[in-house]
Amino acid sequence: MCYYVGQSNSQKYPSRLAMPLVLECREKLPLPVQVRGVLPRPMSKLTRTQIEKFPIIVGCRNEELGSIFQVLGDSADSKLIMEGHLQNVHWIGHKLTGGTIETKSSIGRHAGSRMSGGRLMVHGDATDFVGVEMSGGWIQIDGDAGDIVGGNYPGSNLGMNRGTIVIHGSAGAGLGQQMRRGTIVVCQNAGDLIGWNMVAGSILVVGNAGNHVGLGMKRGSIFLFRKTELPPSFRAGGMAEFTVAKMLASFLGRHVGAADFSALHGPLRLFHGDQLTGGKGEIFQAAS
């Protein structure tokens, strides 16, 4: 099976000595492709031939990386760039420990799942399970993301545990469910069940939030920029300015910059809950 057609792109990357490892998929893929293990650091120890022969899964069959992707450059600088038709390519950045992966288009499921370090930069959309059970590193999605961002896999009660996820667009349902630590920022809207059963960590949603925010949360903080109806098991705790919110706004202003976080500097309404699970979680709503 071979989907690649074409020659190397010397105009985009004229200097082979300076270029990172580039994987380019030039044709739309009729079958899902799983690229577990295609990471900058392991690839830096391989020759071009070994990279092209690296095992991946196409549909239900074992194939070689070179049958799908054109391989250019090397990963000596711990950077991997993926280009072309990646919407049906899954597990990009799975178990990433260091280095940088950058995709030039939208990608499939499980991006950055269980990663512990490094950076995953997606110039497009990502589907479900972004950053699931991650324990470190930075994920940035320039477009939208699907369900269960920073959450847990079915059968597990361990969600995201450290690290940062930034979604410049919107996210689906189950944002940060079962999360333990870390920070998730959504610059537009998020679906239902934000922070469901979360134990700790911080979630910030600039746009509209769906139903059942914070349901079952034990600890942690959720920041909402727009008024949202909360479950009845949350108790109002008054309104004030909070130092932790101002510190978060300063951090996001320096490192994200895709939205206006100034509301965190003003007064916020505080709600305690979920009272059914201990009531130690906090939801902050912008006053205006």
C-alpha atoms as a PDB file:
ATOM      1  CA  MET A   1       0.000   0.000   0.000  1.00  0.00           C
ATOM      2  CA  CYS A   2       1.420   3.384  -0.966  1.00  0.00           C
ATOM      3  CA  TYR A   3      -0.434   6.692  -0.847  1.00  0.00           C
ATOM      4  CA  TYR A   4       2.535   9.030  -1.383  1.00  0.00           C
ATOM      5  CA  VAL A   5       3.005  10.619  -4.795  1.00  0.00           C
ATOM      6  CA  GLY A   6       5.548  13.350  -5.537  1.00  0.00           C
ATOM      7  CA  GLN A   7       9.067  14.576  -4.974  1.00  0.00           C
ATOM      8  CA  SER A   8      10.764  16.542  -2.178  1.00  0.00           C
ATOM      9  CA  ASN A   9       9.818  20.177  -1.677  1.00  0.00           C
ATOM     10  CA  SER A  10      13.151  21.949  -1.955  1.00  0.00           C
ATOM     11  CA  GLN A  11      11.577  25.409  -2.249  1.00  0.00           C
ATOM     12  CA  LYS A  12      10.027  25.262   1.217  1.00  0.00           C
ATOM     13  CA  TYR A  13      13.090  23.720   2.870  1.00  0.00           C
ATOM     14  CA  PRO A  14      16.131  24.718   0.784  1.00  0.00           C
ATOM     15  CA  SER A  15      18.738  23.805   3.409  1.00  0.00           C
ATOM     16  CA  ARG A  16      18.754  20.166   4.442  1.00  0.00           C
ATOM     17  CA  LEU A  17      21.312  20.915   7.156  1.00  0.00           C
ATOM     18  CA  ALA A  18      18.961  23.358   8.909  1.00  0.00           C
ATOM     19  CA  MET A  19      15.603  21.708   8.350  1.00  0.00           C
ATOM     20  CA  PRO A  20      13.735  19.671  10.986  1.00  0.00           C
ATOM     21  CA  LEU A  21      12.183  16.294  10.301  1.00  0.00           C
ATOM     22  CA  VAL A  22       9.213  16.851   7.981  1.00  0.00           C
ATOM     23  CA  LEU A  23       6.528  14.261   7.274  1.00  0.00           C
ATOM     24  CA  GLU A  24       4.247  15.225   4.406  1.00  0.00           C
ATOM     25  CA  CYS A  25       1.067  13.396   3.476  1.00  0.00           C
ATOM     26  CA  ARG A  26      -0.016  14.618   0.040  1.00  0.00           C
ATOM     27  CA  GLU A  27      -3.138  12.499  -0.487  1.00  0.00           C
ATOM     28  CA  LYS A  28      -6.349  12.154   1.490  1.00  0.00           C
ATOM     29  CA  LEU A  29      -6.328   8.912   3.425  1.00  0.00           C
ATOM     30  CA  PRO A  30      -9.316   6.567   3.015  1.00  0.00           C
ATOM     31  CA  LEU A  31      -8.360   4.647   6.177  1.00  0.00           C
ATOM     32  CA  PRO A  32      -7.431   5.837   9.678  1.00  0.00           C
ATOM     33  CA  VAL A  33      -3.683   6.004  10.309  1.00  0.00           C
ATOM     34  CA  GLN A  34      -2.173   5.487  13.774  1.00  0.00           C
ATOM     35  CA  VAL A  35       1.269   7.032  14.308  1.00  0.00           C
ATOM     36  CA  ARG A  36       2.087   6.003  17.876  1.00  0.00           C
ATOM     37  CA  GLY A  37       5.812   6.357  18.554  1.00  0.00           C
ATOM     38  CA  VAL A  38       6.462   8.898  15.780  1.00  0.00           C
ATOM     39  CA  LEU A  39       8.123  11.410  18.102  1.00  0.00           C
ATOM     40  CA  PRO A  40      11.063  13.850  17.682  1.00  0.00           C
ATOM     41  CA  ARG A  41      13.515  12.298  20.125  1.00  0.00           C
ATOM     42  CA  PRO A  42      13.197   8.648  19.045  1.00  0.00           C
ATOM     43  CA  MET A  43      13.298   9.711  15.379  1.00  0.00           C
ATOM     44  CA  SER A  44      16.540  11.669  15.950  1.00  0.00           C
ATOM     45  CA  LYS A  45      18.350   8.375  16.584  1.00  0.00           C
ATOM     46  CA  LEU A  46      17.219   6.822  13.294  1.00  0.00           C
ATOM     47  CA  THR A  47      18.524   7.102   9.745  1.00  0.00           C
ATOM     48  CA  ARG A  48      16.281   8.257   6.907  1.00  0.00           C
ATOM     49  CA  THR A  49      15.770   4.660   5.799  1.00  0.00           C
ATOM     50  CA  GLN A  50      14.883   3.556   9.322  1.00  0.00           C
ATOM     51  CA  ILE A  51      12.366   6.406   9.636  1.00  0.00           C
ATOM     52  CA  GLU A  52      10.724   5.426   6.350  1.00  0.00           C
ATOM     53  CA  LYS A  53      10.452   1.844   7.582  1.00  0.00           C
ATOM     54  CA  PHE A  54       9.076   2.828  11.008  1.00  0.00           C
ATOM     55  CA  PRO A  55       5.942   0.750  11.721  1.00  0.00           C
ATOM     56  CA  ILE A  56       2.516   2.426  11.763  1.00  0.00           C
ATOM     57  CA  ILE A  57      -1.025   1.094  11.470  1.00  0.00           C
ATOM     58  CA  VAL A  58      -3.225   1.865   8.459  1.00  0.00           C
ATOM     59  CA  GLY A  59      -6.737   0.621   8.989  1.00  0.00           C
ATOM     60  CA  CYS A  60      -6.112  -2.805  10.521  1.00  0.00           C
ATOM     61  CA  ARG A  61      -2.820  -3.459   8.727  1.00  0.00           C
ATOM     62  CA  ASN A  62       0.796  -2.849   9.678  1.00  0.00           C
ATOM     63  CA  GLU A  63       2.499  -0.539   7.205  1.00  0.00           C
ATOM     64  CA  GLU A  64       5.691   1.518   6.974  1.00  0.00           C
ATOM     65  CA  LEU A  65       5.761   5.250   7.629  1.00  0.00           C
ATOM     66  CA  GLY A  66       7.243   5.878   4.192  1.00  0.00           C
ATOM     67  CA  SER A  67       4.214   4.320   2.494  1.00  0.00           C
ATOM     68  CA  ILE A  68       2.067   7.217   3.716  1.00  0.00           C
ATOM     69  CA  PHE A  69       4.444  10.120   4.314  1.00  0.00           C
ATOM     70  CA  GLN A  70       7.273  11.654   2.362  1.00  0.00           C
ATOM     71  CA  VAL A  71      10.203  11.997   4.753  1.00  0.00           C
ATOM     72  CA  LEU A  72      12.431  15.076   4.607  1.00  0.00           C
ATOM     73  CA  GLY A  73      15.236  16.295   6.873  1.00  0.00           C
ATOM     74  CA  ASP A  74      16.017  14.852  10.267  1.00  0.00           C
ATOM     75  CA  SER A  75      15.048  15.365  13.911  1.00  0.00           C
ATOM     76  CA  ALA A  76      18.449  16.382  15.246  1.00  0.00           C
ATOM     77  CA  ASP A  77      16.929  19.628  16.590  1.00  0.00           C
ATOM     78  CA  SER A  78      14.131  17.664  18.357  1.00  0.00           C
ATOM     79  CA  LYS A  79      11.480  19.149  16.081  1.00  0.00           C
ATOM     80  CA  LEU A  80       8.961  17.267  13.940  1.00  0.00           C
ATOM     81  CA  ILE A  81       6.726  18.975  11.377  1.00  0.00           C
ATOM     82  CA  MET A  82       3.739  17.176   9.875  1.00  0.00           C
ATOM     83  CA  GLU A  83       2.028  18.529   6.752  1.00  0.00           C
ATOM     84  CA  GLY A  84      -0.677  17.685   4.289  1.00  0.00           C
ATOM     85  CA  HIS A  85      -3.877  15.683   4.773  1.00  0.00           C
ATOM     86  CA  LEU A  86      -3.757  14.805   8.472  1.00  0.00           C
ATOM     87  CA  GLN A  87      -7.463  14.748   9.365  1.00  0.00           C
ATOM     88  CA  ASN A  88      -7.441  10.957   9.471  1.00  0.00           C
ATOM     89  CA  VAL A  89      -4.076  10.660  11.250  1.00  0.00           C
ATOM     90  CA  HIS A  90      -4.470   9.760  14.925  1.00  0.00           C
ATOM     91  CA  TRP A  91      -2.269   9.550  18.045  1.00  0.00           C
ATOM     92  CA  ILE A  92       0.001  12.426  16.995  1.00  0.00           C
ATOM     93  CA  GLY A  93       2.166  13.297  19.998  1.00  0.00           C
ATOM     94  CA  HIS A  94       0.978  10.322  22.044  1.00  0.00           C
ATOM     95  CA  LYS A  95       3.407   9.857  24.979  1.00  0.00           C
ATOM     96  CA  LEU A  96       5.533  12.818  23.865  1.00  0.00           C
ATOM     97  CA  THR A  97       8.324  13.411  26.409  1.00  0.00           C
ATOM     98  CA  GLY A  98      10.221  16.337  24.884  1.00  0.00           C
ATOM     99  CA  GLY A  99      10.892  18.311  21.751  1.00  0.00           C
ATOM    100  CA  THR A 100       8.269  19.912  19.517  1.00  0.00           C
ATOM    101  CA  ILE A 101       5.668  18.534  17.135  1.00  0.00           C
ATOM    102  CA  GLU A 102       4.029  21.045  14.806  1.00  0.00           C
ATOM    103  CA  THR A 103       1.198  20.183  12.433  1.00  0.00           C
ATOM    104  CA  LYS A 104       0.317  22.443   9.525  1.00  0.00           C
ATOM    105  CA  SER A 105      -3.296  21.276   9.225  1.00  0.00           C
ATOM    106  CA  SER A 106      -6.160  19.726  11.186  1.00  0.00           C
ATOM    107  CA  ILE A 107      -5.542  16.333  12.792  1.00  0.00           C
ATOM    108  CA  GLY A 108      -7.387  13.311  14.184  1.00  0.00           C
ATOM    109  CA  ARG A 109      -8.025  11.880  17.639  1.00  0.00           C
ATOM    110  CA  HIS A 110      -5.810  11.338  20.715  1.00  0.00           C
ATOM    111  CA  ALA A 111      -3.431  14.244  20.002  1.00  0.00           C
ATOM    112  CA  GLY A 112      -0.959  14.618  22.865  1.00  0.00           C
ATOM    113  CA  SER A 113      -2.586  11.883  24.914  1.00  0.00           C
ATOM    114  CA  ARG A 114      -0.502  10.728  27.875  1.00  0.00           C
ATOM    115  CA  MET A 115       2.308  13.120  26.969  1.00  0.00           C
ATOM    116  CA  SER A 116       4.656  14.130  29.785  1.00  0.00           C
ATOM    117  CA  GLY A 117       6.730  16.920  28.229  1.00  0.00           C
ATOM    118  CA  GLY A 118       7.479  18.898  25.086  1.00  0.00           C
ATOM    119  CA  ARG A 119       5.159  20.975  22.913  1.00  0.00           C
ATOM    120  CA  LEU A 120       2.432  20.010  20.467  1.00  0.00           C
ATOM    121  CA  MET A 121       1.367  22.884  18.207  1.00  0.00           C
ATOM    122  CA  VAL A 122      -1.623  22.270  15.913  1.00  0.00           C
ATOM    123  CA  HIS A 123      -2.348  24.840  13.192  1.00  0.00           C
ATOM    124  CA  GLY A 124      -5.890  23.680  12.645  1.00  0.00           C
ATOM    125  CA  ASP A 125      -8.554  21.657  14.436  1.00  0.00           C
ATOM    126  CA  ALA A 126      -8.241  18.482  16.501  1.00  0.00           C
ATOM    127  CA  THR A 127     -10.968  15.966  17.294  1.00  0.00           C
ATOM    128  CA  ASP A 128     -11.621  14.016  20.510  1.00  0.00           C
ATOM    129  CA  PHE A 129      -9.287  13.108  23.383  1.00  0.00           C
ATOM    130  CA  VAL A 130      -6.764  15.947  23.096  1.00  0.00           C
ATOM    131  CA  GLY A 131      -4.291  15.741  25.991  1.00  0.00           C
ATOM    132  CA  VAL A 132      -6.117  12.900  27.685  1.00  0.00           C
ATOM    133  CA  GLU A 133      -4.260  11.731  30.829  1.00  0.00           C
ATOM    134  CA  MET A 134      -1.274  13.980  30.041  1.00  0.00           C
ATOM    135  CA  SER A 135       1.190  14.649  32.878  1.00  0.00           C
ATOM    136  CA  GLY A 136       3.219  17.556  31.500  1.00  0.00           C
ATOM    137  CA  GLY A 137       4.021  19.656  28.459  1.00  0.00           C
ATOM    138  CA  TRP A 138       2.153  22.246  26.388  1.00  0.00           C
ATOM    139  CA  ILE A 139      -0.583  21.647  23.796  1.00  0.00           C
ATOM    140  CA  GLN A 140      -1.880  24.465  21.616  1.00  0.00           C
ATOM    141  CA  ILE A 141      -4.760  24.026  19.162  1.00  0.00           C
ATOM    142  CA  ASP A 142      -5.254  27.036  16.887  1.00  0.00           C
ATOM    143  CA  GLY A 143      -8.750  25.888  15.885  1.00  0.00           C
ATOM    144  CA  ASP A 144     -11.419  23.821  17.634  1.00  0.00           C
ATOM    145  CA  ALA A 145     -11.132  20.602  19.630  1.00  0.00           C
ATOM    146  CA  GLY A 146     -13.582  17.759  20.208  1.00  0.00           C
ATOM    147  CA  ASP A 147     -14.808  16.028  23.358  1.00  0.00           C
ATOM    148  CA  ILE A 148     -12.910  14.948  26.495  1.00  0.00           C
ATOM    149  CA  VAL A 149     -10.062  17.466  26.193  1.00  0.00           C
ATOM    150  CA  GLY A 150      -7.699  16.898  29.128  1.00  0.00           C
ATOM    151  CA  GLY A 151      -9.954  14.191  30.486  1.00  0.00           C
ATOM    152  CA  ASN A 152      -9.735  10.454  31.023  1.00  0.00           C
ATOM    153  CA  TYR A 153     -10.126   7.353  28.921  1.00  0.00           C
ATOM    154  CA  PRO A 154     -13.184   5.120  29.517  1.00  0.00           C
ATOM    155  CA  GLY A 155     -12.597   2.855  32.491  1.00  0.00           C
ATOM    156  CA  SER A 156     -10.040   5.172  34.079  1.00  0.00           C
ATOM    157  CA  ASN A 157     -10.595   7.796  36.773  1.00  0.00           C
ATOM    158  CA  LEU A 158      -7.295   9.586  36.091  1.00  0.00           C
ATOM    159  CA  GLY A 159      -7.640  12.662  33.927  1.00  0.00           C
ATOM    160  CA  MET A 160      -5.022  15.239  33.020  1.00  0.00           C
ATOM    161  CA  ASN A 161      -2.343  15.522  35.731  1.00  0.00           C
ATOM    162  CA  ARG A 162      -0.165  18.613  35.042  1.00  0.00           C
ATOM    163  CA  GLY A 163       0.626  20.437  31.828  1.00  0.00           C
ATOM    164  CA  THR A 164      -1.199  23.133  29.850  1.00  0.00           C
ATOM    165  CA  ILE A 165      -3.760  22.897  27.045  1.00  0.00           C
ATOM    166  CA  VAL A 166      -4.761  26.012  25.104  1.00  0.00           C
ATOM    167  CA  ILE A 167      -7.665  25.855  22.622  1.00  0.00           C
ATOM    168  CA  HIS A 168      -7.927  29.039  20.555  1.00  0.00           C
ATOM    169  CA  GLY A 169     -11.340  27.978  19.261  1.00  0.00           C
ATOM    170  CA  SER A 170     -14.088  25.986  20.968  1.00  0.00           C
ATOM    171  CA  ALA A 171     -14.086  22.607  22.748  1.00  0.00           C
ATOM    172  CA  GLY A 172     -16.707  19.884  23.002  1.00  0.00           C
ATOM    173  CA  ALA A 173     -18.240  18.123  26.001  1.00  0.00           C
ATOM    174  CA  GLY A 174     -16.361  16.670  28.966  1.00  0.00           C
ATOM    175  CA  LEU A 175     -13.674  19.361  29.073  1.00  0.00           C
ATOM    176  CA  GLY A 176     -11.265  18.489  31.901  1.00  0.00           C
ATOM    177  CA  GLN A 177     -13.355  15.647  33.258  1.00  0.00           C
ATOM    178  CA  GLN A 178     -11.613  13.764  36.082  1.00  0.00           C
ATOM    179  CA  MET A 179      -8.588  16.113  35.784  1.00  0.00           C
ATOM    180  CA  ARG A 180      -6.087  16.047  38.652  1.00  0.00           C
ATOM    181  CA  ARG A 181      -3.816  19.034  37.987  1.00  0.00           C
ATOM    182  CA  GLY A 182      -2.839  21.333  35.155  1.00  0.00           C
ATOM    183  CA  THR A 183      -4.472  24.176  33.230  1.00  0.00           C
ATOM    184  CA  ILE A 184      -6.946  24.181  30.349  1.00  0.00           C
ATOM    185  CA  VAL A 185      -7.827  27.403  28.500  1.00  0.00           C
ATOM    186  CA  VAL A 186     -10.629  27.623  25.914  1.00  0.00           C
ATOM    187  CA  CYS A 187     -10.734  30.986  24.151  1.00  0.00           C
ATOM    188  CA  GLN A 188     -14.246  30.505  22.746  1.00  0.00           C
ATOM    189  CA  ASN A 189     -17.048  28.121  23.804  1.00  0.00           C
ATOM    190  CA  ALA A 190     -17.126  24.762  25.577  1.00  0.00           C
ATOM    191  CA  GLY A 191     -19.782  22.029  25.730  1.00  0.00           C
ATOM    192  CA  ASP A 192     -21.552  20.291  28.591  1.00  0.00           C
ATOM    193  CA  LEU A 193     -19.993  18.763  31.709  1.00  0.00           C
ATOM    194  CA  ILE A 194     -16.999  21.069  32.057  1.00  0.00           C
ATOM    195  CA  GLY A 195     -14.869  19.795  34.926  1.00  0.00           C
ATOM    196  CA  TRP A 196     -17.056  16.771  35.603  1.00  0.00           C
ATOM    197  CA  ASN A 197     -15.658  14.931  38.657  1.00  0.00           C
ATOM    198  CA  MET A 198     -12.466  17.022  38.572  1.00  0.00           C
ATOM    199  CA  VAL A 199     -10.148  16.637  41.572  1.00  0.00           C
ATOM    200  CA  ALA A 200      -7.825  19.616  41.072  1.00  0.00           C
ATOM    201  CA  GLY A 201      -6.460  21.952  38.409  1.00  0.00           C
ATOM    202  CA  SER A 202      -7.785  25.032  36.608  1.00  0.00           C
ATOM    203  CA  ILE A 203     -10.168  25.397  33.664  1.00  0.00           C
ATOM    204  CA  LEU A 204     -10.902  28.726  31.971  1.00  0.00           C
ATOM    205  CA  VAL A 205     -13.629  29.292  29.370  1.00  0.00           C
ATOM    206  CA  VAL A 206     -13.841  32.716  27.734  1.00  0.00           C
ATOM    207  CA  GLY A 207     -17.011  32.101  25.698  1.00  0.00           C
ATOM    208  CA  ASN A 208     -20.245  30.297  26.480  1.00  0.00           C
ATOM    209  CA  ALA A 209     -20.242  27.236  28.723  1.00  0.00           C
ATOM    210  CA  GLY A 210     -22.616  24.292  28.368  1.00  0.00           C
ATOM    211  CA  ASN A 211     -24.811  22.656  30.991  1.00  0.00           C
ATOM    212  CA  HIS A 212     -23.771  20.984  34.258  1.00  0.00           C
ATOM    213  CA  VAL A 213     -20.547  22.923  34.817  1.00  0.00           C
ATOM    214  CA  GLY A 214     -18.504  21.466  37.678  1.00  0.00           C
ATOM    215  CA  LEU A 215     -20.889  18.608  38.355  1.00  0.00           C
ATOM    216  CA  GLY A 216     -19.268  16.238  40.853  1.00  0.00           C
ATOM    217  CA  MET A 217     -16.088  18.322  41.223  1.00  0.00           C
ATOM    218  CA  LYS A 218     -14.183  17.753  44.467  1.00  0.00           C
ATOM    219  CA  ARG A 219     -11.586  20.533  44.265  1.00  0.00           C
ATOM    220  CA  GLY A 220     -10.072  22.728  41.591  1.00  0.00           C
ATOM    221  CA  SER A 221     -11.065  26.022  39.970  1.00  0.00           C
ATOM    222  CA  ILE A 222     -13.227  26.853  36.959  1.00  0.00           C
ATOM    223  CA  PHE A 223     -13.249  30.403  35.560  1.00  0.00           C
ATOM    224  CA  LEU A 224     -16.228  31.458  33.417  1.00  0.00           C
ATOM    225  CA  PHE A 225     -16.262  34.777  31.578  1.00  0.00           C
ATOM    226  CA  ARG A 226     -19.989  34.662  30.833  1.00  0.00           C
ATOM    227  CA  LYS A 227     -22.943  34.107  33.109  1.00  0.00           C
ATOM    228  CA  THR A 228     -23.832  30.422  33.230  1.00  0.00           C
ATOM    229  CA  GLU A 229     -26.507  28.538  35.141  1.00  0.00           C
ATOM    230  CA  LEU A 230     -24.760  26.235  37.609  1.00  0.00           C
ATOM    231  CA  PRO A 231     -26.040  23.020  39.194  1.00  0.00           C
ATOM    232  CA  PRO A 232     -28.173  23.619  42.317  1.00  0.00           C
ATOM    233  CA  SER A 233     -25.551  21.862  44.441  1.00  0.00           C
ATOM    234  CA  PHE A 234     -23.279  24.936  44.224  1.00  0.00           C
ATOM    235  CA  ARG A 235     -23.448  27.582  46.959  1.00  0.00           C
ATOM    236  CA  ALA A 236     -22.869  31.286  46.285  1.00  0.00           C
ATOM    237  CA  GLY A 237     -19.901  32.682  48.182  1.00  0.00           C
ATOM    238  CA  GLY A 238     -20.007  36.386  47.393  1.00  0.00           C
ATOM    239  CA  MET A 239     -18.106  38.617  44.984  1.00  0.00           C
ATOM    240  CA  ALA A 240     -14.566  40.011  45.240  1.00  0.00           C
ATOM    241  CA  GLU A 241     -11.278  40.437  43.404  1.00  0.00           C
ATOM    242  CA  PHE A 242      -8.954  37.462  43.686  1.00  0.00           C
ATOM    243  CA  THR A 243      -5.171  37.501  43.512  1.00  0.00           C
ATOM    244  CA  VAL A 244      -5.036  34.038  41.961  1.00  0.00           C
ATOM    245  CA  ALA A 245      -7.260  35.219  39.097  1.00  0.00           C
ATOM    246  CA  LYS A 246      -5.049  38.235  38.436  1.00  0.00           C
ATOM    247  CA  MET A 247      -1.948  36.034  38.409  1.00  0.00           C
ATOM    248  CA  LEU A 248      -3.641  33.693  35.939  1.00  0.00           C
ATOM    249  CA  ALA A 249      -4.629  36.635  33.705  1.00  0.00           C
ATOM    250  CA  SER A 250      -1.037  37.902  33.649  1.00  0.00           C
ATOM    251  CA  PHE A 251       0.296  34.455  32.745  1.00  0.00           C
ATOM    252  CA  LEU A 252      -2.249  33.989  29.958  1.00  0.00           C
ATOM    253  CA  GLY A 253      -1.641  37.455  28.592  1.00  0.00           C
ATOM    254  CA  ARG A 254       2.060  36.649  28.201  1.00  0.00           C
ATOM    255  CA  HIS A 255       1.772  33.141  26.823  1.00  0.00           C
ATOM    256  CA  VAL A 256      -1.582  32.888  25.029  1.00  0.00           C
ATOM    257  CA  GLY A 257      -2.737  36.257  23.738  1.00  0.00           C
ATOM    258  CA  ALA A 258      -5.644  34.798  21.704  1.00  0.00           C
ATOM    259  CA  ALA A 259      -8.370  36.343  23.889  1.00  0.00           C
ATOM    260  CA  ASP A 260      -8.998  39.201  26.305  1.00  0.00           C
ATOM    261  CA  PHE A 261      -8.406  37.968  29.858  1.00  0.00           C
ATOM    262  CA  SER A 262      -8.836  41.368  31.549  1.00  0.00           C
ATOM    263  CA  ALA A 263     -12.076  40.251  33.233  1.00  0.00           C
ATOM    264  CA  LEU A 264      -9.955  38.249  35.673  1.00  0.00           C
ATOM    265  CA  HIS A 265      -8.577  41.516  37.079  1.00  0.00           C
ATOM    266  CA  GLY A 266     -12.037  42.700  38.134  1.00  0.00           C
ATOM    267  CA  PRO A 267     -14.591  41.408  40.638  1.00  0.00           C
ATOM    268  CA  LEU A 268     -15.674  37.785  40.276  1.00  0.00           C
ATOM    269  CA  ARG A 269     -18.624  35.893  41.704  1.00  0.00           C
ATOM    270  CA  LEU A 270     -17.490  32.848  43.661  1.00  0.00           C
ATOM    271  CA  PHE A 271     -19.471  29.607  43.981  1.00  0.00           C
ATOM    272  CA  HIS A 272     -18.507  26.616  46.150  1.00  0.00           C
ATOM    273  CA  GLY A 273     -19.283  23.046  45.172  1.00  0.00           C
ATOM    274  CA  ASP A 274     -20.106  20.482  44.300  1.00  0.00           C
ATOM    275  CA  GLN A 275     -21.743  20.218  47.757  1.00  0.00           C
ATOM    276  CA  LEU A 276     -22.639  16.599  47.007  1.00  0.00           C
ATOM    277  CA  THR A 277     -18.934  15.688  46.783  1.00  0.00           C
ATOM    278  CA  GLY A 278     -17.442  17.806  49.571  1.00  0.00           C
ATOM    279  CA  GLY A 279     -17.969  21.336  48.281  1.00  0.00           C
ATOM    280  CA  LYS A 280     -14.285  22.302  48.031  1.00  0.00           C
ATOM    281  CA  GLY A 281     -14.341  23.185  44.342  1.00  0.00           C
ATOM    282  CA  GLU A 282     -14.567  26.804  43.180  1.00  0.00           C
ATOM    283  CA  ILE A 283     -16.298  28.345  40.186  1.00  0.00           C
ATOM    284  CA  PHE A 284     -15.528  31.998  39.415  1.00  0.00           C
ATOM    285  CA  GLN A 285     -17.847  33.965  37.165  1.00  0.00           C
ATOM    286  CA  ALA A 286     -17.040  37.372  35.705  1.00  0.00           C
ATOM    287  CA  ALA A 287     -19.297  40.049  37.184  1.00  0.00           C
ATOM    288  CA  SER A 288     -20.313  41.525  33.819  1.00  0.00           C
END
